[in-house]
N, C-alpha and C. Protein backbone atom coordinates (compact mmCIF):
# COMPACT_ATOMS: atom_id res chain seq x y z
N MET A 1 86.28 106.60 112.57
CA MET A 1 87.01 105.46 112.02
C MET A 1 85.96 104.39 111.72
N VAL A 2 85.98 103.80 110.48
CA VAL A 2 85.00 102.81 110.07
C VAL A 2 85.65 101.39 110.26
N PHE A 3 84.96 100.57 110.93
CA PHE A 3 85.45 99.26 111.18
C PHE A 3 84.57 98.22 110.41
N GLU A 4 83.53 98.52 109.93
CA GLU A 4 82.72 97.65 109.13
C GLU A 4 82.01 98.44 107.97
N ILE A 5 81.87 97.77 106.80
CA ILE A 5 81.48 98.48 105.68
C ILE A 5 80.15 97.89 105.01
N GLU A 6 79.56 98.79 104.32
CA GLU A 6 78.50 98.37 103.27
C GLU A 6 79.07 98.71 101.99
N GLY A 7 79.35 97.70 101.26
CA GLY A 7 80.10 97.94 99.96
C GLY A 7 81.57 97.99 100.33
N ILE A 8 82.21 99.32 100.19
CA ILE A 8 83.57 99.45 100.56
C ILE A 8 83.80 100.83 100.80
N ASP A 9 83.61 101.40 102.05
CA ASP A 9 83.77 102.79 102.32
C ASP A 9 84.76 103.07 103.48
N GLY A 10 85.50 102.09 103.83
CA GLY A 10 86.44 102.30 104.91
C GLY A 10 87.66 101.40 104.67
N MET A 11 88.80 101.65 105.41
CA MET A 11 90.02 100.94 105.19
C MET A 11 90.32 99.90 106.30
N PHE A 12 89.77 100.03 107.43
CA PHE A 12 89.96 99.18 108.51
C PHE A 12 88.74 98.25 108.62
N LEU A 13 88.87 96.98 108.19
CA LEU A 13 87.78 96.18 107.98
C LEU A 13 87.80 94.92 108.96
N LEU A 14 86.64 94.41 109.42
CA LEU A 14 86.59 93.30 110.20
C LEU A 14 86.57 91.97 109.42
N GLN A 15 86.29 92.13 108.14
CA GLN A 15 86.20 90.90 107.23
C GLN A 15 87.00 91.23 105.97
N GLN A 16 87.56 90.09 105.37
CA GLN A 16 88.37 90.28 104.23
C GLN A 16 87.44 90.70 103.04
N PRO A 17 87.78 91.83 102.38
CA PRO A 17 86.92 92.32 101.23
C PRO A 17 87.06 91.36 100.06
N THR A 18 86.00 91.40 99.32
CA THR A 18 86.01 90.57 98.08
C THR A 18 86.74 91.37 96.94
N ALA A 19 87.05 90.59 95.86
CA ALA A 19 87.75 91.22 94.78
C ALA A 19 86.85 92.34 94.15
N THR A 20 85.67 92.17 94.15
CA THR A 20 84.64 93.20 93.55
C THR A 20 84.74 94.41 94.47
N GLN A 21 84.74 94.23 95.77
CA GLN A 21 84.68 95.37 96.73
C GLN A 21 86.06 96.08 96.52
N ILE A 22 87.17 95.43 96.33
CA ILE A 22 88.47 96.03 96.25
C ILE A 22 88.49 96.79 94.88
N ASP A 23 87.92 96.28 93.86
CA ASP A 23 87.80 96.95 92.49
C ASP A 23 86.99 98.30 92.68
N GLU A 24 85.96 98.22 93.42
CA GLU A 24 85.18 99.42 93.69
C GLU A 24 85.89 100.50 94.55
N PHE A 25 86.65 99.94 95.53
CA PHE A 25 87.55 100.81 96.36
C PHE A 25 88.50 101.57 95.42
N ILE A 26 89.25 100.81 94.56
CA ILE A 26 90.17 101.47 93.69
C ILE A 26 89.54 102.44 92.78
N ALA A 27 88.33 102.12 92.21
CA ALA A 27 87.65 103.07 91.43
C ALA A 27 87.30 104.40 92.15
N ILE A 28 86.84 104.28 93.32
CA ILE A 28 86.53 105.52 94.12
C ILE A 28 87.82 106.32 94.43
N GLN A 29 88.85 105.58 94.86
CA GLN A 29 90.08 106.37 95.16
C GLN A 29 90.76 106.94 93.91
N ALA A 30 90.50 106.39 92.80
CA ALA A 30 91.11 106.96 91.54
C ALA A 30 90.58 108.39 91.30
N GLN A 31 89.53 108.69 91.87
CA GLN A 31 88.89 109.98 91.64
C GLN A 31 89.44 111.06 92.67
N GLN A 32 90.26 110.54 93.59
CA GLN A 32 90.84 111.46 94.69
C GLN A 32 92.18 112.01 94.39
N GLU A 33 92.56 113.02 95.15
CA GLU A 33 93.95 113.58 95.02
C GLU A 33 94.86 112.89 96.02
N LEU A 34 96.18 112.96 95.66
CA LEU A 34 97.17 112.54 96.48
C LEU A 34 97.13 113.37 97.87
N THR A 35 97.69 112.73 98.89
CA THR A 35 97.55 113.41 100.24
C THR A 35 98.81 114.15 100.72
N TYR A 36 99.75 114.33 99.81
CA TYR A 36 100.90 115.11 100.17
C TYR A 36 101.35 115.92 98.96
N SER A 37 102.15 116.98 99.27
CA SER A 37 102.53 118.02 98.13
C SER A 37 103.83 117.64 97.55
N SER A 38 104.74 117.04 98.20
CA SER A 38 106.10 116.69 97.60
C SER A 38 106.11 115.52 96.62
N LEU A 39 105.42 115.68 95.60
CA LEU A 39 105.29 114.56 94.63
C LEU A 39 106.67 114.31 93.92
N GLY A 40 107.03 113.03 93.91
CA GLY A 40 108.36 112.70 93.27
C GLY A 40 109.62 112.96 94.19
N ALA A 41 109.34 113.29 95.44
CA ALA A 41 110.54 113.65 96.29
C ALA A 41 111.37 112.36 96.67
N THR A 42 110.99 111.14 96.34
CA THR A 42 111.87 110.01 96.41
C THR A 42 112.93 109.97 95.44
N GLN A 43 112.89 110.97 94.48
CA GLN A 43 114.04 111.09 93.49
C GLN A 43 115.15 112.02 93.92
N VAL A 44 114.89 112.84 94.97
CA VAL A 44 115.86 113.80 95.38
C VAL A 44 116.56 113.39 96.63
N PRO A 45 117.78 113.92 96.95
CA PRO A 45 118.51 113.46 98.08
C PRO A 45 118.00 113.82 99.43
N THR A 46 117.34 114.97 99.52
CA THR A 46 116.74 115.43 100.80
C THR A 46 115.26 115.24 100.83
N PRO A 47 114.79 114.45 101.78
CA PRO A 47 113.31 114.22 101.89
C PRO A 47 112.61 115.40 102.40
N PRO A 48 111.29 115.52 102.19
CA PRO A 48 110.54 116.69 102.82
C PRO A 48 110.53 116.54 104.31
N GLY A 49 110.43 117.77 105.01
CA GLY A 49 110.37 117.72 106.45
C GLY A 49 109.16 117.09 106.95
N GLY A 50 109.21 116.67 108.26
CA GLY A 50 108.00 116.15 108.98
C GLY A 50 107.66 114.84 108.61
N PHE A 51 108.61 114.03 107.93
CA PHE A 51 108.25 112.69 107.59
C PHE A 51 109.31 111.69 108.14
N GLN A 52 108.90 110.49 108.42
CA GLN A 52 109.86 109.42 108.85
C GLN A 52 110.41 108.79 107.53
N VAL A 53 111.71 108.66 107.52
CA VAL A 53 112.44 108.10 106.33
C VAL A 53 112.89 106.63 106.59
N ASP A 54 112.67 105.79 105.58
CA ASP A 54 113.12 104.41 105.69
C ASP A 54 113.88 104.11 104.46
N HIS A 55 114.95 103.44 104.53
CA HIS A 55 115.82 103.04 103.39
C HIS A 55 116.40 101.71 103.61
N SER A 56 116.12 100.74 102.74
CA SER A 56 116.71 99.42 102.83
C SER A 56 117.09 98.97 101.48
N ARG A 57 118.19 98.11 101.40
CA ARG A 57 118.69 97.64 100.16
C ARG A 57 119.37 96.26 100.38
N ILE A 58 119.39 95.54 99.27
CA ILE A 58 119.99 94.27 99.31
C ILE A 58 120.67 93.91 97.99
N CYS A 59 121.82 93.22 98.02
CA CYS A 59 122.42 92.75 96.80
C CYS A 59 121.73 91.47 96.34
N LEU A 60 121.35 91.41 95.05
CA LEU A 60 120.64 90.26 94.53
C LEU A 60 121.60 89.42 93.77
N GLY A 61 122.83 89.74 93.38
CA GLY A 61 123.67 89.07 92.63
C GLY A 61 124.64 89.97 91.73
N GLN A 62 125.03 89.40 90.64
CA GLN A 62 125.93 90.20 89.73
C GLN A 62 125.57 89.93 88.31
N GLY A 63 125.69 90.96 87.42
CA GLY A 63 125.63 90.75 86.04
C GLY A 63 124.31 91.19 85.41
N ARG A 64 124.36 91.36 84.10
CA ARG A 64 123.24 91.81 83.41
C ARG A 64 122.02 90.86 83.48
N GLU A 65 122.24 89.59 83.49
CA GLU A 65 121.14 88.63 83.55
C GLU A 65 120.25 88.79 84.88
N VAL A 66 121.06 88.88 85.94
CA VAL A 66 120.46 89.13 87.24
C VAL A 66 119.67 90.42 87.26
N TYR A 67 120.21 91.47 86.68
CA TYR A 67 119.58 92.78 86.60
C TYR A 67 118.29 92.75 85.89
N GLU A 68 118.35 92.00 84.75
CA GLU A 68 117.09 91.84 83.89
C GLU A 68 116.04 91.13 84.56
N GLN A 69 116.43 90.06 85.32
CA GLN A 69 115.50 89.25 86.07
C GLN A 69 114.90 90.09 87.18
N ALA A 70 115.68 90.91 87.84
CA ALA A 70 115.23 91.70 88.94
C ALA A 70 114.27 92.76 88.36
N LYS A 71 114.58 93.34 87.26
CA LYS A 71 113.70 94.32 86.62
C LYS A 71 112.32 93.79 86.30
N ARG A 72 112.38 92.49 85.68
CA ARG A 72 111.05 91.90 85.34
C ARG A 72 110.29 91.66 86.67
N ALA A 73 110.94 91.22 87.65
CA ALA A 73 110.25 90.89 88.92
C ALA A 73 109.60 92.20 89.43
N LEU A 74 110.33 93.27 89.38
CA LEU A 74 109.80 94.54 89.88
C LEU A 74 108.59 94.97 88.98
N GLN A 75 108.65 94.87 87.75
CA GLN A 75 107.54 95.18 86.84
C GLN A 75 106.31 94.34 87.08
N ASP A 76 106.57 93.11 87.63
CA ASP A 76 105.43 92.18 87.89
C ASP A 76 105.06 92.35 89.31
N TRP A 77 105.55 93.31 90.03
CA TRP A 77 105.20 93.54 91.44
C TRP A 77 105.54 92.34 92.37
N GLN A 78 106.54 91.54 91.98
CA GLN A 78 106.83 90.35 92.90
C GLN A 78 107.42 90.76 94.24
N HIS A 79 107.78 91.96 94.37
CA HIS A 79 108.28 92.49 95.63
C HIS A 79 107.17 92.58 96.68
N PHE A 80 105.88 92.38 96.29
CA PHE A 80 104.80 92.30 97.20
C PHE A 80 104.34 90.86 97.57
N ARG A 81 105.08 89.91 97.07
CA ARG A 81 104.60 88.53 97.35
C ARG A 81 105.05 88.13 98.78
N MET A 82 104.14 88.24 99.71
CA MET A 82 104.37 87.92 101.08
C MET A 82 103.05 87.37 101.72
N ASN A 83 103.21 86.66 102.88
CA ASN A 83 102.02 86.02 103.33
C ASN A 83 101.02 86.81 104.03
N TRP A 84 101.25 88.12 104.31
CA TRP A 84 100.35 88.95 105.08
C TRP A 84 99.91 90.18 104.28
N VAL A 85 100.38 90.33 103.08
CA VAL A 85 100.13 91.50 102.23
C VAL A 85 99.76 91.01 100.81
N SER A 86 98.80 91.58 100.14
CA SER A 86 98.53 91.38 98.87
C SER A 86 98.30 92.64 98.05
N LEU A 87 98.71 92.75 96.80
CA LEU A 87 98.59 93.93 96.01
C LEU A 87 97.48 93.61 94.89
N HIS A 88 96.64 94.61 94.78
CA HIS A 88 95.53 94.48 93.76
C HIS A 88 95.66 95.66 92.74
N ARG A 89 95.63 95.36 91.53
CA ARG A 89 95.84 96.30 90.43
C ARG A 89 94.97 96.02 89.22
N GLN A 90 94.69 97.06 88.53
CA GLN A 90 93.83 96.84 87.36
C GLN A 90 94.67 96.95 86.06
N GLN A 91 95.91 97.29 86.08
CA GLN A 91 96.81 97.25 84.96
C GLN A 91 98.02 96.30 85.28
N ALA A 92 98.59 95.69 84.26
CA ALA A 92 99.66 94.72 84.59
C ALA A 92 100.88 95.29 85.17
N VAL A 93 101.47 96.30 84.48
CA VAL A 93 102.79 96.84 84.88
C VAL A 93 102.64 98.22 85.46
N PRO A 94 103.55 98.71 86.28
CA PRO A 94 103.45 100.01 86.88
C PRO A 94 103.57 101.03 85.79
N GLU A 95 102.72 102.08 85.85
CA GLU A 95 102.88 103.19 84.95
C GLU A 95 102.22 104.35 85.66
N PRO A 96 102.66 105.67 85.34
CA PRO A 96 102.21 106.80 86.03
C PRO A 96 100.64 106.94 85.95
N GLY A 97 100.10 107.24 87.08
CA GLY A 97 98.58 107.27 87.16
C GLY A 97 97.89 106.03 87.50
N GLN A 98 98.55 104.95 87.56
CA GLN A 98 97.92 103.66 87.94
C GLN A 98 97.60 103.62 89.43
N ASN A 99 96.43 103.23 89.69
CA ASN A 99 95.89 103.18 91.13
C ASN A 99 95.94 101.75 91.64
N VAL A 100 96.41 101.48 92.78
CA VAL A 100 96.48 100.18 93.36
C VAL A 100 95.93 100.16 94.75
N ALA A 101 95.59 98.94 95.20
CA ALA A 101 95.28 98.75 96.61
C ALA A 101 96.11 97.72 97.24
N ILE A 102 96.54 98.02 98.42
CA ILE A 102 97.35 97.07 99.15
C ILE A 102 96.51 96.62 100.35
N LEU A 103 96.35 95.29 100.43
CA LEU A 103 95.50 94.65 101.50
C LEU A 103 96.48 93.98 102.44
N ALA A 104 96.42 94.41 103.75
CA ALA A 104 97.28 93.74 104.78
C ALA A 104 96.31 93.24 105.85
N HIS A 105 96.89 92.11 106.57
CA HIS A 105 96.16 91.50 107.63
C HIS A 105 96.98 91.72 108.94
N ALA A 106 96.41 92.44 109.84
CA ALA A 106 97.28 92.73 111.03
C ALA A 106 96.25 93.13 112.23
N LEU A 107 96.63 92.66 113.43
CA LEU A 107 95.83 92.91 114.61
C LEU A 107 94.44 92.45 114.41
N GLY A 108 94.16 91.40 113.69
CA GLY A 108 92.90 90.89 113.48
C GLY A 108 92.05 91.66 112.52
N LEU A 109 92.55 92.65 111.89
CA LEU A 109 91.85 93.57 110.98
C LEU A 109 92.43 93.32 109.62
N TRP A 110 91.55 93.61 108.58
CA TRP A 110 92.06 93.76 107.23
C TRP A 110 92.17 95.30 106.85
N VAL A 111 93.40 95.63 106.51
CA VAL A 111 93.69 97.02 106.33
C VAL A 111 93.88 97.23 104.80
N LEU A 112 93.06 98.08 104.25
CA LEU A 112 93.08 98.41 102.71
C LEU A 112 93.57 99.69 102.44
N ASN A 113 94.70 99.90 101.84
CA ASN A 113 95.32 101.02 101.50
C ASN A 113 95.36 101.39 100.00
N ALA A 114 95.23 102.61 99.69
CA ALA A 114 95.17 103.06 98.29
C ALA A 114 96.42 103.95 97.96
N SER A 115 96.98 103.65 96.75
CA SER A 115 98.16 104.35 96.31
C SER A 115 98.10 104.64 94.83
N ARG A 116 98.91 105.59 94.38
CA ARG A 116 98.94 105.87 92.90
C ARG A 116 100.32 105.97 92.49
N VAL A 117 100.61 105.28 91.35
CA VAL A 117 101.99 105.32 90.86
C VAL A 117 102.29 106.81 90.39
N ILE A 118 103.36 107.33 90.89
CA ILE A 118 103.74 108.72 90.57
C ILE A 118 104.72 108.83 89.35
N TYR A 119 105.71 107.96 89.32
CA TYR A 119 106.57 107.96 88.21
C TYR A 119 107.27 106.60 88.02
N VAL A 120 107.58 106.38 86.76
CA VAL A 120 108.38 105.19 86.39
C VAL A 120 109.60 105.75 85.66
N LEU A 121 110.78 105.23 85.95
CA LEU A 121 112.00 105.81 85.27
C LEU A 121 112.95 104.63 85.02
N GLU A 122 113.72 104.76 83.91
CA GLU A 122 114.81 103.79 83.50
C GLU A 122 115.93 104.64 83.09
N GLU A 123 117.10 104.40 83.63
CA GLU A 123 118.33 105.12 83.28
C GLU A 123 119.48 104.25 83.12
N SER A 124 120.46 104.65 82.36
CA SER A 124 121.73 103.91 82.07
C SER A 124 122.95 104.55 82.83
N GLU A 125 122.82 105.85 83.06
CA GLU A 125 123.95 106.49 83.73
C GLU A 125 123.43 107.41 84.87
N PRO A 126 124.14 107.57 85.93
CA PRO A 126 125.49 107.07 86.19
C PRO A 126 125.39 105.53 86.63
N VAL A 127 124.22 105.07 86.95
CA VAL A 127 123.99 103.74 87.31
C VAL A 127 122.83 103.21 86.51
N GLN A 128 122.95 102.03 85.97
CA GLN A 128 121.77 101.52 85.24
C GLN A 128 120.79 101.10 86.28
N ARG A 129 119.53 101.63 86.10
CA ARG A 129 118.44 101.37 87.05
C ARG A 129 117.07 101.46 86.46
N PHE A 130 116.16 100.64 87.13
CA PHE A 130 114.70 100.84 86.78
C PHE A 130 114.04 100.99 88.17
N ALA A 131 113.13 101.93 88.18
CA ALA A 131 112.57 102.29 89.43
C ALA A 131 111.15 102.79 89.12
N PHE A 132 110.27 102.73 90.23
CA PHE A 132 108.93 103.43 90.18
C PHE A 132 108.59 103.74 91.60
N ALA A 133 107.59 104.69 91.78
CA ALA A 133 107.25 105.09 93.16
C ALA A 133 105.78 105.29 93.14
N TYR A 134 105.11 105.08 94.23
CA TYR A 134 103.72 105.42 94.38
C TYR A 134 103.56 106.27 95.59
N GLY A 135 102.47 107.12 95.56
CA GLY A 135 102.12 108.00 96.61
C GLY A 135 100.78 107.60 97.18
N THR A 136 100.50 108.15 98.41
CA THR A 136 99.27 107.75 99.16
C THR A 136 98.08 108.56 98.69
N LEU A 137 96.94 107.90 98.73
CA LEU A 137 95.58 108.50 98.45
C LEU A 137 94.87 108.58 99.84
N PRO A 138 93.73 109.21 99.91
CA PRO A 138 92.98 109.47 101.08
C PRO A 138 92.85 108.29 102.00
N GLU A 139 92.42 107.17 101.33
CA GLU A 139 92.17 105.95 102.16
C GLU A 139 93.51 105.10 102.13
N HIS A 140 94.38 105.69 102.92
CA HIS A 140 95.69 105.01 103.27
C HIS A 140 96.06 105.32 104.67
N ALA A 141 96.48 104.29 105.42
CA ALA A 141 96.85 104.52 106.85
C ALA A 141 98.04 105.56 106.92
N GLU A 142 98.87 105.66 105.98
CA GLU A 142 99.97 106.60 106.05
C GLU A 142 99.85 107.60 104.93
N CYS A 143 100.65 108.68 105.09
CA CYS A 143 100.81 109.76 104.11
C CYS A 143 102.24 109.83 103.70
N GLY A 144 102.50 109.72 102.36
CA GLY A 144 103.89 109.79 101.92
C GLY A 144 104.05 109.05 100.54
N GLU A 145 105.28 108.68 100.27
CA GLU A 145 105.71 108.12 98.96
C GLU A 145 106.69 106.96 99.21
N GLU A 146 106.69 106.01 98.37
CA GLU A 146 107.61 104.94 98.40
C GLU A 146 108.16 104.61 97.06
N ARG A 147 109.55 104.39 96.99
CA ARG A 147 110.16 104.09 95.70
C ARG A 147 110.75 102.69 95.77
N PHE A 148 110.53 101.97 94.71
CA PHE A 148 111.12 100.56 94.46
C PHE A 148 112.12 100.55 93.34
N GLN A 149 113.28 100.11 93.51
CA GLN A 149 114.29 100.25 92.48
C GLN A 149 115.26 99.10 92.44
N VAL A 150 115.63 98.74 91.19
CA VAL A 150 116.69 97.74 90.96
C VAL A 150 117.79 98.51 90.24
N GLU A 151 119.04 98.21 90.58
CA GLU A 151 120.21 98.91 89.88
C GLU A 151 121.33 97.96 89.67
N TRP A 152 122.01 98.19 88.61
CA TRP A 152 123.25 97.49 88.23
C TRP A 152 124.41 98.30 88.20
N ARG A 153 125.39 98.08 89.02
CA ARG A 153 126.49 98.95 89.24
C ARG A 153 127.76 98.49 88.40
N ALA A 154 128.26 99.45 87.59
CA ALA A 154 129.35 99.02 86.68
C ALA A 154 130.65 98.77 87.45
N ASP A 155 130.91 99.47 88.61
CA ASP A 155 132.13 99.37 89.31
C ASP A 155 132.50 97.97 89.87
N ASP A 156 131.50 97.25 90.24
CA ASP A 156 131.65 95.87 90.69
C ASP A 156 130.67 94.79 90.14
N ASP A 157 129.91 95.20 89.14
CA ASP A 157 128.93 94.41 88.44
C ASP A 157 127.81 93.91 89.43
N SER A 158 127.61 94.48 90.57
CA SER A 158 126.61 94.09 91.49
C SER A 158 125.13 94.62 91.09
N VAL A 159 124.18 93.86 91.41
CA VAL A 159 122.82 94.20 91.23
C VAL A 159 122.10 94.30 92.65
N TRP A 160 121.36 95.49 92.79
CA TRP A 160 120.78 95.75 94.06
C TRP A 160 119.36 96.04 93.93
N TYR A 161 118.53 95.66 94.99
CA TYR A 161 117.22 96.00 95.20
C TYR A 161 117.13 97.11 96.22
N ASP A 162 116.57 98.27 95.97
CA ASP A 162 116.60 99.41 96.87
C ASP A 162 115.26 99.88 97.19
N LEU A 163 114.91 100.07 98.43
CA LEU A 163 113.57 100.53 98.83
C LEU A 163 113.74 101.72 99.69
N TYR A 164 113.03 102.80 99.27
CA TYR A 164 113.12 104.11 99.94
C TYR A 164 111.73 104.74 100.08
N ALA A 165 111.47 105.24 101.38
CA ALA A 165 110.14 105.87 101.54
C ALA A 165 110.28 106.86 102.63
N PHE A 166 109.34 107.85 102.47
CA PHE A 166 108.96 108.82 103.56
C PHE A 166 107.53 108.76 103.81
N SER A 167 107.30 108.83 105.18
CA SER A 167 105.79 108.59 105.56
C SER A 167 105.62 109.23 106.92
N ARG A 168 104.32 109.43 107.22
CA ARG A 168 103.82 109.85 108.53
C ARG A 168 102.37 109.24 108.68
N PRO A 169 101.88 109.04 109.86
CA PRO A 169 100.51 108.52 110.00
C PRO A 169 99.45 109.47 109.54
N GLN A 170 98.46 108.92 108.87
CA GLN A 170 97.40 109.79 108.25
C GLN A 170 96.07 109.46 108.96
N GLN A 171 95.80 108.22 109.23
CA GLN A 171 94.50 107.87 109.92
C GLN A 171 94.64 107.83 111.37
N LEU A 172 93.50 108.02 112.18
CA LEU A 172 93.56 108.09 113.58
C LEU A 172 94.13 106.73 114.22
N LEU A 173 93.62 105.73 113.71
CA LEU A 173 94.15 104.34 114.17
C LEU A 173 95.60 104.19 114.07
N SER A 174 96.12 104.74 112.94
CA SER A 174 97.58 104.71 112.70
C SER A 174 98.38 105.50 113.74
N LYS A 175 97.76 106.63 114.01
CA LYS A 175 98.47 107.51 115.04
C LYS A 175 98.48 106.84 116.38
N ILE A 176 97.31 106.22 116.74
CA ILE A 176 97.15 105.59 118.05
C ILE A 176 98.09 104.40 118.20
N THR A 177 98.22 103.71 117.20
CA THR A 177 99.07 102.42 117.22
C THR A 177 100.37 102.65 116.43
N TYR A 178 100.96 103.77 116.50
CA TYR A 178 102.17 104.14 115.61
C TYR A 178 103.27 103.24 115.91
N PRO A 179 103.70 102.91 117.14
CA PRO A 179 104.76 101.98 117.29
C PRO A 179 104.62 100.56 116.56
N TYR A 180 103.38 100.08 116.61
CA TYR A 180 103.02 98.94 115.91
C TYR A 180 103.06 99.11 114.35
N VAL A 181 102.65 100.28 113.88
CA VAL A 181 102.71 100.68 112.49
C VAL A 181 104.22 100.63 112.01
N ARG A 182 105.09 101.21 112.83
CA ARG A 182 106.48 101.29 112.49
C ARG A 182 107.09 99.88 112.43
N HIS A 183 106.61 98.95 113.35
CA HIS A 183 107.07 97.56 113.30
C HIS A 183 106.65 96.84 111.99
N LYS A 184 105.45 97.12 111.63
CA LYS A 184 104.98 96.55 110.28
C LYS A 184 105.60 97.12 109.03
N GLN A 185 105.95 98.42 109.14
CA GLN A 185 106.72 99.00 108.05
C GLN A 185 108.09 98.34 107.90
N LYS A 186 108.71 98.18 109.04
CA LYS A 186 110.05 97.51 109.00
C LYS A 186 109.93 95.97 108.54
N GLN A 187 108.83 95.36 108.93
CA GLN A 187 108.65 93.98 108.50
C GLN A 187 108.39 94.05 106.98
N PHE A 188 107.63 94.92 106.51
CA PHE A 188 107.32 94.99 105.11
C PHE A 188 108.71 95.07 104.35
N ALA A 189 109.52 96.03 104.81
CA ALA A 189 110.79 96.15 104.11
C ALA A 189 111.69 94.91 104.09
N ARG A 190 111.73 94.20 105.20
CA ARG A 190 112.47 92.93 105.19
C ARG A 190 111.74 91.88 104.29
N ASP A 191 110.49 91.75 104.37
CA ASP A 191 109.81 90.78 103.50
C ASP A 191 109.86 91.01 102.04
N SER A 192 109.89 92.36 101.62
CA SER A 192 109.97 92.76 100.39
C SER A 192 111.45 92.44 99.76
N LEU A 193 112.45 92.66 100.61
CA LEU A 193 113.85 92.26 100.16
C LEU A 193 113.89 90.83 99.89
N GLN A 194 113.31 90.02 100.83
CA GLN A 194 113.39 88.51 100.67
C GLN A 194 112.59 88.13 99.43
N ALA A 195 111.46 88.82 99.18
CA ALA A 195 110.60 88.47 98.00
C ALA A 195 111.41 88.63 96.72
N MET A 196 112.14 89.72 96.64
CA MET A 196 112.98 89.92 95.42
C MET A 196 114.11 88.94 95.37
N GLN A 197 114.70 88.51 96.46
CA GLN A 197 115.69 87.48 96.49
C GLN A 197 115.16 86.17 95.98
N ARG A 198 113.96 85.78 96.36
CA ARG A 198 113.27 84.64 95.87
C ARG A 198 113.01 84.78 94.40
N ALA A 199 112.52 85.91 93.96
CA ALA A 199 112.16 86.07 92.56
C ALA A 199 113.33 85.81 91.63
N VAL A 200 114.51 86.32 92.04
CA VAL A 200 115.73 86.23 91.16
C VAL A 200 116.19 84.80 91.29
N ALA A 201 116.22 84.14 92.52
CA ALA A 201 116.68 82.77 92.67
C ALA A 201 115.87 81.81 91.80
N ILE A 202 114.50 81.96 91.69
CA ILE A 202 113.60 81.13 90.94
C ILE A 202 114.02 81.22 89.52
N HIS A 203 114.35 82.39 88.97
CA HIS A 203 114.67 82.56 87.61
C HIS A 203 116.04 81.95 87.20
N GLU A 204 116.84 81.91 88.30
CA GLU A 204 118.27 81.45 88.07
C GLU A 204 118.29 79.87 87.94
N LYS A 205 117.28 79.22 88.44
CA LYS A 205 117.24 77.72 88.40
C LYS A 205 117.09 77.15 86.87
């Protein structure tokens, strides 16, 4: 396990990496393969075996305007706006094949994770929704896939943000500290729901 770097060749870091180092990290990880075989499995009802499943959702309001606001917020990755996590990307909106880095600060370390957008979808039936998912690359603490979705339900006009993921620890430090990792995963879900609430509330003013 690498705790200090020359350039950027590890994901558990003692110092915050620079923007240039993160760009180099993304470029290196862009040449790598995803770390799991069930690509796109966040679109099917039954998750692959051997993974921990997490599912969180929150009602953001009602009506087309709220849905469009939530969709724009998701396209702008505003669901990552929290005080202990930052997202770094080289393209503006999520699209298949896009590689991103997620930088988190925890336990006195800077943890840099690499992911790749697997799919982006937009549907009008049976529920109007916009969603995308990313999967993990080799330099990621976890192995798995996560889907981010906003939906507008015709039956009651409600708009929801839905977060669904399956994962298991991939790096040694993640396995050793797995109870803490699970705590941070749950915190991320809560903070992401709140970030989307804020994003919609700001646009409603």
